[in-house]
Amino acid sequence: MKFGMRRVTQAVACAMGLLALGGTAQAANWLKLQGTERPSAVGRAHVWGFIQPEYQYTKDTKLPAGTPWAGTGAVFNQQRPDLSSNSSFNVLRARIGVRGTGFPLDDKVNYFVLAEFGNNGITKPSSAAAQLTDASITLNQIPHARIRIGEFKYPGSEEGLMAIHVFNYINFTNVTNQMLLERHFAATTGANPHPYGADSANEMNAPVGAFRDIGVQVFDWFDVGDWEHTYAVMVGNGNGINRTDNNNNKDLYLYWSSAKIFGGKGPRRQDWKTYAWYESGKRTIGVYSGSSLSEQTFDRKRYGIGTTFLKGRYRAAAEYMWGKGMIFNGTSGGAVPGTVATGGPGAGSSVAYFNVNPNEKAHGWYIDGGYKVLPNLELDLRYDQYNRNTKVSADEREFKTTTVGAQYFFNKKSRMLVNYEFRSADAPNLPDSANPNKVLDSIDNRLSAQLLIIF
């Protein structure tokens, strides 16, 4: 469904108005909220976790006539992570962890361990009942240079770095979901037969990256008047979670933020924060030449700038991001991976699969605002846009979403979220009659509801 430019402009103007008035709830310093706690706050072992059951729905518009997978389900109208239904209940996340300090042996050593039991991209590719998402130790002995070692969130985009249990929406923006949330594949396409197994759909061969890496990070923060400045430098494997390096090339992560503090503390601190981040690495992946496959190495770079601001009942945020090199490219003809073509060239033999462009460019942005109309009720509005494959005009795809949301807070540790997303996408440099635009016209709006309980 196309979302008219007039309505988009109104949505962006409204969100910008909110940004002028106030800023994002949970405008926190995420780097210091994990692994730097005082013994009095967490003790030797503090057990915690959260559960997120949800429901998501689309109208399930099928792929149009004249395209190879006509009449079959469009992948963007199916629900995560199984892609088997347009409407589904799911326990998306169910995480439990323990955190603490070495007290009384050493109160300057912190540890953090967290495991995922939910049904999502972290657990889906594996037969294991759970996956370890975090396992890190933070050494706080050196002034101005804390050291974090292990598996943890790398410093980067606000949408990825912030704690997911205080995220203001149910689904990520298009640019975060497609460009930042890394998926790992054995090959760039799913040529049939696939040399790495019988699965010609080129399914992920590892858990989704979940904005995490395994490595070492040096970071700290310092105050100048009522401003807090934070830096982080990290070196990681660049091969996802629960995996060692696979190509001897390490990823580099750089981060800086400056925040004017108005009051409060923790994830509900009131401040105005601006930040910039950069990550660079290399990925090794199989590339087909005819029927033969060879492993090749490509760059993967991401960088961005953003701002968040919270004061009183208003919140807002904005961020712009760029990507170069390895870019996730959706699925064949917008079909669900594994679906056999029904028409056009290759009908009856061509199977839809996941695709990766190893040497492309992309960029995207979002603007987001919210207002607490009642102490327990917040109304939210977010607009995001993502332009994928921008090196060649005919290959470019543009995704736009306006999300209207509400959050009802039962208490500080439980809330209900309801979102309605007005979604549209097109190939902006191709005629409306071109197959890519026919396929992208099939994208539905999406309704979602989620309950969050923290314990």
Protein backbone atom coordinates (compact mmCIF):
# COMPACT_ATOMS: atom_id res chain seq x y z
CA MET A 1 0.00 0.00 0.00
CA LYS A 2 1.49 3.32 -1.00
CA PHE A 3 1.66 5.96 1.69
CA GLY A 4 1.08 9.38 0.13
CA MET A 5 3.81 11.99 0.31
CA ARG A 6 1.42 14.46 1.90
CA ARG A 7 0.76 12.09 4.80
CA VAL A 8 4.47 11.30 5.10
CA THR A 9 5.30 15.00 5.24
CA GLN A 10 2.68 15.53 7.94
CA ALA A 11 4.05 12.62 9.96
CA VAL A 12 7.63 13.88 9.72
CA ALA A 13 6.58 17.43 10.60
CA CYS A 14 4.73 16.17 13.66
CA ALA A 15 7.72 14.11 14.80
CA MET A 16 10.04 17.08 14.26
CA GLY A 17 7.70 19.16 16.36
CA LEU A 18 8.03 16.64 19.15
CA LEU A 19 11.80 16.73 18.77
CA ALA A 20 11.74 20.47 19.26
CA LEU A 21 9.71 20.06 22.45
CA GLY A 22 11.50 17.17 24.08
CA GLY A 23 13.36 13.92 23.64
CA THR A 24 13.50 10.18 23.80
CA ALA A 25 12.58 8.26 26.89
CA GLN A 26 15.44 6.03 27.87
CA ALA A 27 17.93 8.64 26.61
CA ALA A 28 20.59 6.85 28.61
CA ASN A 29 24.29 6.13 28.51
CA TRP A 30 23.97 2.46 27.54
CA LEU A 31 27.69 1.75 27.83
CA LYS A 32 27.72 2.45 31.53
CA LEU A 33 24.49 0.65 32.42
CA GLN A 34 26.02 -2.81 31.94
CA GLY A 35 29.10 -4.10 33.69
CA THR A 36 29.90 -1.03 35.77
CA GLU A 37 27.42 -1.45 38.64
CA ARG A 38 28.41 -0.87 42.24
CA PRO A 39 28.35 -3.84 44.63
CA SER A 40 25.53 -2.21 46.59
CA ALA A 41 23.36 -2.26 43.45
CA VAL A 42 23.85 -5.85 42.27
CA GLY A 43 25.86 -7.73 44.90
CA ARG A 44 27.56 -11.02 44.04
CA ALA A 45 24.70 -12.30 41.84
CA HIS A 46 21.56 -10.50 40.72
CA VAL A 47 19.17 -12.62 38.64
CA TRP A 48 16.91 -10.78 36.20
CA GLY A 49 15.17 -11.19 32.85
CA PHE A 50 12.13 -10.35 30.76
CA ILE A 51 9.44 -11.95 28.59
CA GLN A 52 7.87 -10.49 25.41
CA PRO A 53 4.83 -12.38 24.06
CA GLU A 54 3.35 -10.70 20.99
CA TYR A 55 0.84 -10.86 18.14
CA GLN A 56 1.43 -9.56 14.60
CA TYR A 57 -0.94 -9.35 11.62
CA THR A 58 -0.95 -8.36 7.95
CA LYS A 59 -3.66 -8.80 5.31
CA ASP A 60 -1.46 -11.35 3.49
CA THR A 61 -1.58 -9.82 0.02
CA LYS A 62 -0.08 -12.33 -2.43
CA LEU A 63 2.60 -11.67 -5.02
CA PRO A 64 1.00 -10.35 -8.24
CA ALA A 65 0.39 -11.98 -11.61
CA GLY A 66 3.18 -11.63 -14.13
CA THR A 67 5.92 -12.23 -11.57
CA PRO A 68 7.77 -15.56 -11.08
CA TRP A 69 6.15 -16.40 -7.73
CA ALA A 70 2.66 -15.08 -8.57
CA GLY A 71 -0.03 -16.08 -6.10
CA THR A 72 2.35 -17.14 -3.34
CA GLY A 73 2.94 -15.38 -0.03
CA ALA A 74 5.12 -12.25 0.00
CA VAL A 75 7.97 -12.59 2.49
CA PHE A 76 7.40 -9.09 3.90
CA ASN A 77 3.80 -9.99 4.79
CA GLN A 78 4.77 -13.08 6.83
CA GLN A 79 5.54 -13.01 10.54
CA ARG A 80 8.96 -13.51 12.10
CA PRO A 81 10.87 -15.68 12.50
CA ASP A 82 9.25 -18.66 10.76
CA LEU A 83 7.76 -16.74 7.78
CA SER A 84 4.93 -19.27 7.63
CA SER A 85 1.86 -17.16 8.44
CA ASN A 86 0.55 -13.64 8.00
CA SER A 87 -0.83 -13.60 11.57
CA SER A 88 0.67 -15.29 14.60
CA PHE A 89 1.10 -15.27 18.35
CA ASN A 90 4.72 -15.70 19.40
CA VAL A 91 6.93 -15.54 22.47
CA LEU A 92 9.44 -13.33 20.70
CA ARG A 93 11.92 -12.96 23.55
CA ALA A 94 12.35 -14.78 26.84
CA ARG A 95 15.67 -13.91 28.41
CA ILE A 96 17.15 -14.68 31.79
CA GLY A 97 20.53 -13.62 33.09
CA VAL A 98 22.70 -12.94 36.08
CA ARG A 99 24.98 -10.00 36.77
CA GLY A 100 27.18 -9.02 39.68
CA THR A 101 30.60 -8.05 40.99
CA GLY A 102 33.57 -9.93 42.42
CA PHE A 103 32.85 -8.41 45.85
CA PRO A 104 34.36 -9.03 48.40
CA LEU A 105 37.32 -10.24 46.34
CA ASP A 106 37.33 -7.23 44.03
CA ASP A 107 34.46 -4.76 43.72
CA LYS A 108 35.92 -3.33 40.50
CA VAL A 109 35.27 -6.48 38.46
CA ASN A 110 31.78 -6.96 37.00
CA TYR A 111 30.29 -9.85 35.06
CA PHE A 112 27.15 -10.12 32.91
CA VAL A 113 25.58 -13.29 31.47
CA LEU A 114 22.30 -13.45 29.50
CA ALA A 115 20.59 -16.28 27.56
CA GLU A 116 17.75 -16.19 25.01
CA PHE A 117 14.92 -18.78 25.10
CA GLY A 118 12.43 -16.98 22.80
CA ASN A 119 11.48 -17.76 19.20
CA ASN A 120 13.46 -15.30 17.09
CA GLY A 121 16.44 -14.92 14.78
CA ILE A 122 18.86 -15.72 17.60
CA THR A 123 17.42 -19.17 18.38
CA LYS A 124 15.71 -20.01 15.06
CA PRO A 125 18.73 -21.21 13.01
CA SER A 126 19.78 -23.58 15.81
CA SER A 127 18.23 -26.72 17.26
CA ALA A 128 19.33 -25.63 20.74
CA ALA A 129 16.64 -24.56 23.19
CA ALA A 130 18.59 -21.41 24.08
CA GLN A 131 21.44 -19.26 22.85
CA LEU A 132 23.92 -17.26 24.87
CA THR A 133 23.61 -13.60 23.90
CA ASP A 134 25.91 -11.97 26.46
CA ALA A 135 28.85 -13.23 28.50
CA SER A 136 31.26 -10.47 29.47
CA ILE A 137 33.62 -9.30 32.20
CA THR A 138 34.30 -5.62 32.82
CA LEU A 139 37.51 -4.51 34.53
CA ASN A 140 37.09 -1.09 36.12
CA GLN A 141 40.52 -0.65 37.71
CA ILE A 142 42.19 1.68 35.17
CA PRO A 143 41.12 5.34 35.37
CA HIS A 144 39.45 6.54 32.15
CA ALA A 145 39.94 3.16 30.45
CA ARG A 146 37.49 0.48 31.56
CA ILE A 147 37.96 -2.82 29.72
CA ARG A 148 35.11 -5.13 28.70
CA ILE A 149 35.94 -8.60 27.36
CA GLY A 150 33.68 -11.32 25.97
CA GLU A 151 30.37 -11.31 24.06
CA PHE A 152 28.29 -8.14 24.34
CA LYS A 153 26.62 -5.34 22.41
CA TYR A 154 29.08 -3.38 20.33
CA PRO A 155 29.00 0.46 20.47
CA GLY A 156 26.92 1.77 17.58
CA SER A 157 23.48 2.94 16.54
CA GLU A 158 21.12 3.94 19.33
CA GLU A 159 18.42 1.57 18.08
CA GLY A 160 20.79 -1.37 18.36
CA LEU A 161 22.73 -0.30 21.45
CA MET A 162 19.79 0.52 23.71
CA ALA A 163 18.33 -2.16 25.97
CA ILE A 164 15.59 -3.97 24.04
CA HIS A 165 13.30 -4.19 27.06
CA VAL A 166 12.96 -0.40 27.10
CA PHE A 167 12.59 -0.05 23.31
CA ASN A 168 9.61 2.16 22.46
CA TYR A 169 8.32 0.11 19.51
CA ILE A 170 7.73 -3.53 18.67
CA ASN A 171 9.58 -3.66 15.32
CA PHE A 172 12.85 -2.03 14.31
CA THR A 173 13.02 0.61 11.60
CA ASN A 174 13.72 -0.60 8.05
CA VAL A 175 17.28 0.72 8.05
CA THR A 176 18.13 -0.97 11.34
CA ASN A 177 16.41 -4.24 10.45
CA GLN A 178 17.91 -4.56 6.97
CA MET A 179 21.23 -2.72 7.10
CA LEU A 180 22.44 -3.07 10.71
CA LEU A 181 20.90 -6.30 12.02
CA GLU A 182 23.42 -8.63 10.41
CA ARG A 183 22.45 -12.00 8.97
CA HIS A 184 25.12 -14.58 8.20
CA PHE A 185 24.93 -16.75 5.09
CA ALA A 186 27.17 -19.36 3.48
CA ALA A 187 26.81 -17.79 0.02
CA THR A 188 25.54 -14.59 -1.59
CA THR A 189 22.70 -16.48 -3.34
CA GLY A 190 21.02 -19.87 -3.15
CA ALA A 191 22.02 -21.47 -6.44
CA ASN A 192 20.56 -24.94 -6.81
CA PRO A 193 22.04 -27.37 -5.83
CA HIS A 194 23.62 -25.55 -2.90
CA PRO A 195 27.15 -26.86 -2.24
CA TYR A 196 26.80 -26.36 1.52
CA GLY A 197 23.75 -28.59 1.85
CA ALA A 198 20.37 -29.43 0.41
CA ASP A 199 18.79 -26.13 1.46
CA SER A 200 18.69 -24.17 -1.80
CA ALA A 201 16.86 -21.34 0.00
CA ASN A 202 20.24 -20.12 1.31
CA GLU A 203 18.99 -19.92 4.90
CA MET A 204 21.12 -18.27 7.58
CA ASN A 205 23.94 -20.48 8.81
CA ALA A 206 24.19 -18.76 12.20
CA PRO A 207 22.08 -16.74 14.63
CA VAL A 208 21.24 -13.18 13.67
CA GLY A 209 23.96 -10.80 14.85
CA ALA A 210 21.68 -9.12 17.46
CA PHE A 211 24.03 -6.06 17.44
CA ARG A 212 26.64 -8.12 19.29
CA ASP A 213 30.19 -9.31 18.77
CA ILE A 214 32.92 -11.16 20.66
CA GLY A 215 35.98 -9.09 21.46
CA VAL A 216 37.48 -6.47 23.73
CA GLN A 217 36.34 -2.89 24.33
CA VAL A 218 38.01 0.06 26.04
CA PHE A 219 35.57 2.74 27.17
CA ASP A 220 34.73 5.31 29.82
CA TRP A 221 32.91 8.56 30.43
CA PHE A 222 33.85 11.85 32.05
CA ASP A 223 31.95 14.92 33.20
CA VAL A 224 32.57 18.52 32.20
CA GLY A 225 30.10 20.70 34.08
CA ASP A 226 26.62 19.37 33.37
CA TRP A 227 27.83 17.51 30.26
CA GLU A 228 28.83 13.84 30.17
CA HIS A 229 31.15 12.66 27.39
CA THR A 230 31.56 8.97 26.52
CA TYR A 231 33.98 7.13 24.25
CA ALA A 232 34.39 3.51 23.21
CA VAL A 233 36.87 1.63 21.02
CA MET A 234 36.23 -2.06 20.35
CA VAL A 235 37.89 -4.82 18.34
CA GLY A 236 35.79 -7.93 17.61
CA ASN A 237 35.63 -11.06 15.49
CA GLY A 238 32.92 -9.70 13.18
CA ASN A 239 31.40 -13.17 12.83
CA GLY A 240 28.27 -12.93 14.99
CA ILE A 241 27.46 -14.42 18.36
CA ASN A 242 28.71 -17.75 19.71
CA ARG A 243 31.25 -18.10 16.88
CA THR A 244 34.98 -17.55 16.58
CA ASP A 245 36.56 -15.54 13.77
CA ASN A 246 36.38 -17.14 10.33
CA ASN A 247 38.76 -15.01 8.25
CA ASN A 248 41.42 -13.51 10.59
CA ASN A 249 40.02 -10.01 9.89
CA LYS A 250 38.81 -8.17 12.97
CA ASP A 251 36.04 -5.55 13.09
CA LEU A 252 36.77 -2.08 14.48
CA TYR A 253 34.08 -0.11 16.34
CA LEU A 254 34.36 3.57 17.33
CA TYR A 255 31.84 5.57 19.36
CA TRP A 256 31.48 9.03 20.90
CA SER A 257 28.58 10.72 22.65
CA SER A 258 28.09 14.01 24.49
CA ALA A 259 25.06 14.43 26.73
CA LYS A 260 23.75 17.45 28.62
CA ILE A 261 22.25 16.05 31.82
CA PHE A 262 18.97 17.49 33.12
CA GLY A 263 18.42 15.01 35.96
CA GLY A 264 17.54 11.47 36.87
CA LYS A 265 19.64 8.36 36.35
CA GLY A 266 19.71 4.97 34.66
CA PRO A 267 17.55 4.21 31.61
CA ARG A 268 15.15 7.03 32.48
CA ARG A 269 17.76 9.74 32.80
CA GLN A 270 16.64 13.06 31.33
CA ASP A 271 19.20 14.48 28.94
CA TRP A 272 20.02 15.69 25.47
CA LYS A 273 22.52 13.34 23.82
CA THR A 274 24.27 13.59 20.47
CA TYR A 275 26.45 10.77 19.18
CA ALA A 276 28.43 9.39 16.26
CA TRP A 277 29.60 5.85 15.55
CA TYR A 278 31.61 3.86 12.99
CA GLU A 279 32.22 0.17 12.36
CA SER A 280 34.39 -1.47 9.74
CA GLY A 281 35.30 -5.08 8.96
CA LYS A 282 35.45 -7.75 6.30
CA ARG A 283 33.17 -10.70 5.53
CA THR A 284 34.08 -13.94 3.78
CA ILE A 285 31.25 -15.53 1.83
CA GLY A 286 30.73 -17.95 -1.07
CA VAL A 287 30.22 -16.42 -4.53
CA TYR A 288 28.97 -18.36 -7.56
CA SER A 289 30.50 -18.20 -11.02
CA GLY A 290 28.28 -20.40 -13.15
CA SER A 291 27.94 -23.64 -11.19
CA SER A 292 31.22 -23.25 -9.26
CA LEU A 293 31.60 -21.46 -5.95
CA SER A 294 34.58 -19.76 -4.36
CA GLU A 295 34.96 -17.97 -1.05
CA GLN A 296 35.76 -14.28 -1.36
CA THR A 297 36.24 -11.47 1.15
CA PHE A 298 34.40 -8.13 1.03
CA ASP A 299 34.22 -4.96 3.11
CA ARG A 300 31.37 -4.27 5.52
CA LYS A 301 31.21 -0.67 6.79
CA ARG A 302 28.48 1.11 8.75
CA TYR A 303 28.43 4.58 10.31
CA GLY A 304 25.93 7.12 11.58
CA ILE A 305 25.06 10.18 13.63
CA GLY A 306 22.09 10.84 15.86
CA THR A 307 20.50 12.64 18.75
CA THR A 308 18.11 11.83 21.60
CA PHE A 309 16.41 14.17 24.03
CA LEU A 310 14.18 13.60 27.08
CA LYS A 311 12.66 16.13 29.38
CA GLY A 312 9.35 15.90 31.17
CA ARG A 313 6.60 14.07 29.29
CA TYR A 314 8.11 14.55 25.83
CA ARG A 315 10.61 12.35 24.02
CA ALA A 316 12.08 12.20 20.52
CA ALA A 317 15.07 10.93 18.56
CA ALA A 318 16.59 11.12 15.09
CA GLU A 319 19.40 9.21 13.39
CA TYR A 320 20.97 8.96 9.92
CA MET A 321 23.01 5.90 8.89
CA TRP A 322 25.10 4.77 5.90
CA GLY A 323 26.36 1.37 4.77
CA LYS A 324 28.98 0.22 2.27
CA GLY A 325 30.09 -3.21 1.08
CA MET A 326 28.05 -6.19 2.28
CA ILE A 327 24.32 -5.35 2.06
CA PHE A 328 21.45 -7.78 2.77
CA ASN A 329 19.21 -7.90 -0.32
CA GLY A 330 16.00 -9.65 0.72
CA THR A 331 14.69 -12.67 -1.17
CA SER A 332 14.13 -13.73 -4.79
CA GLY A 333 11.14 -11.83 -6.17
CA GLY A 334 9.91 -11.02 -2.65
CA ALA A 335 8.91 -14.68 -2.17
CA VAL A 336 9.25 -16.76 0.98
CA PRO A 337 12.58 -18.67 0.76
CA GLY A 338 12.03 -22.24 -0.40
CA THR A 339 8.93 -21.41 -2.47
CA VAL A 340 8.94 -22.86 -6.01
CA ALA A 341 8.22 -20.40 -8.83
CA THR A 342 4.73 -20.54 -10.34
CA GLY A 343 5.13 -18.47 -13.51
CA GLY A 344 7.60 -16.77 -15.81
CA PRO A 345 11.14 -18.02 -16.53
CA GLY A 346 12.10 -21.01 -14.41
CA ALA A 347 8.55 -21.80 -13.29
CA GLY A 348 8.37 -25.15 -11.57
CA SER A 349 12.12 -25.34 -10.90
CA SER A 350 13.32 -21.98 -9.57
CA VAL A 351 13.33 -21.81 -5.77
CA ALA A 352 13.28 -18.49 -3.91
CA TYR A 353 16.28 -17.83 -1.69
CA PHE A 354 17.92 -15.17 0.49
CA ASN A 355 20.33 -12.79 -1.27
CA VAL A 356 23.32 -10.71 -0.23
CA ASN A 357 24.96 -7.99 -2.33
CA PRO A 358 28.68 -8.10 -1.44
CA ASN A 359 29.64 -4.70 -2.84
CA GLU A 360 26.81 -2.16 -2.58
CA LYS A 361 25.74 1.01 -0.79
CA ALA A 362 22.72 1.97 1.30
CA HIS A 363 21.53 4.71 3.61
CA GLY A 364 18.54 5.45 5.80
CA TRP A 365 17.15 7.50 8.63
CA TYR A 366 14.36 7.79 11.16
CA ILE A 367 12.72 10.41 13.34
CA ASP A 368 10.71 9.45 16.37
CA GLY A 369 8.67 11.19 19.05
CA GLY A 370 6.40 10.41 21.96
CA TYR A 371 4.25 12.17 24.54
CA LYS A 372 2.83 10.91 27.81
CA VAL A 373 -0.79 12.04 27.67
CA LEU A 374 -1.35 10.34 31.04
CA PRO A 375 1.15 9.17 33.67
CA ASN A 376 0.64 5.58 32.47
CA LEU A 377 -0.08 6.18 28.76
CA GLU A 378 2.34 7.31 26.06
CA LEU A 379 1.48 7.96 22.40
CA ASP A 380 4.27 7.46 19.83
CA LEU A 381 4.96 8.39 16.23
CA ARG A 382 7.92 7.33 14.08
CA TYR A 383 8.82 7.74 10.40
CA ASP A 384 11.70 5.83 8.81
CA GLN A 385 13.11 5.51 5.31
CA TYR A 386 15.70 3.12 3.87
CA ASN A 387 17.33 3.29 0.42
CA ARG A 388 19.00 -0.02 -0.49
CA ASN A 389 21.41 -0.76 -3.39
CA THR A 390 22.06 2.84 -4.41
CA LYS A 391 25.15 2.28 -6.58
CA VAL A 392 23.05 1.41 -9.67
CA SER A 393 19.84 3.40 -10.10
CA ALA A 394 17.84 0.48 -11.51
CA ASP A 395 18.71 -1.67 -8.47
CA GLU A 396 17.67 0.88 -5.84
CA ARG A 397 14.78 0.00 -3.53
CA GLU A 398 13.16 2.53 -1.19
CA PHE A 399 11.27 1.46 1.95
CA LYS A 400 9.10 3.89 3.94
CA THR A 401 7.19 3.23 7.15
CA THR A 402 5.17 5.43 9.48
CA THR A 403 4.45 3.79 12.83
CA VAL A 404 1.70 4.97 15.16
CA GLY A 405 2.00 3.47 18.62
CA ALA A 406 0.82 3.51 22.20
CA GLN A 407 2.40 2.23 25.40
CA TYR A 408 0.42 1.56 28.55
CA PHE A 409 2.57 1.20 31.67
CA PHE A 410 1.05 -1.07 34.32
CA ASN A 411 4.07 -0.27 36.48
CA LYS A 412 7.81 0.37 36.05
CA LYS A 413 8.44 -3.22 34.97
CA SER A 414 5.45 -4.12 32.82
CA ARG A 415 3.73 -2.49 29.86
CA MET A 416 1.60 -3.18 26.80
CA LEU A 417 2.63 -1.87 23.37
CA VAL A 418 0.35 -1.55 20.33
CA ASN A 419 1.70 -0.44 16.92
CA TYR A 420 0.17 0.13 13.50
CA GLU A 421 2.64 0.51 10.63
CA PHE A 422 1.78 2.22 7.33
CA ARG A 423 4.30 0.53 5.03
CA SER A 424 5.26 1.17 1.41
CA ALA A 425 8.17 0.34 -0.86
CA ASP A 426 9.12 0.87 -4.50
CA ALA A 427 11.90 0.86 -7.07
CA PRO A 428 12.02 4.66 -7.50
CA ASN A 429 14.00 4.64 -10.76
CA LEU A 430 11.87 2.06 -12.57
CA PRO A 431 8.41 2.46 -14.17
CA ASP A 432 5.37 1.39 -12.14
CA SER A 433 4.82 -1.46 -14.60
CA ALA A 434 8.22 -3.04 -13.87
CA ASN A 435 8.13 -6.33 -11.95
CA PRO A 436 9.99 -4.97 -8.90
CA ASN A 437 7.30 -2.31 -8.44
CA LYS A 438 4.54 -4.86 -8.93
CA VAL A 439 6.09 -6.98 -6.19
CA LEU A 440 6.64 -4.07 -3.80
CA ASP A 441 3.04 -2.90 -4.27
CA SER A 442 2.09 -6.09 -2.40
CA ILE A 443 3.51 -4.89 0.92
CA ASP A 444 0.79 -4.66 3.59
CA ASN A 445 0.35 -2.45 6.58
CA ARG A 446 1.10 -4.28 9.84
CA LEU A 447 -0.66 -4.42 13.21
CA SER A 448 1.24 -5.65 16.25
CA ALA A 449 0.74 -5.90 20.00
CA GLN A 450 3.24 -6.92 22.62
CA LEU A 451 3.30 -7.45 26.39
CA LEU A 452 6.55 -6.85 28.25
CA ILE A 453 7.21 -8.17 31.75
CA ILE A 454 10.58 -7.58 33.47
CA PHE A 455 11.53 -9.63 36.51
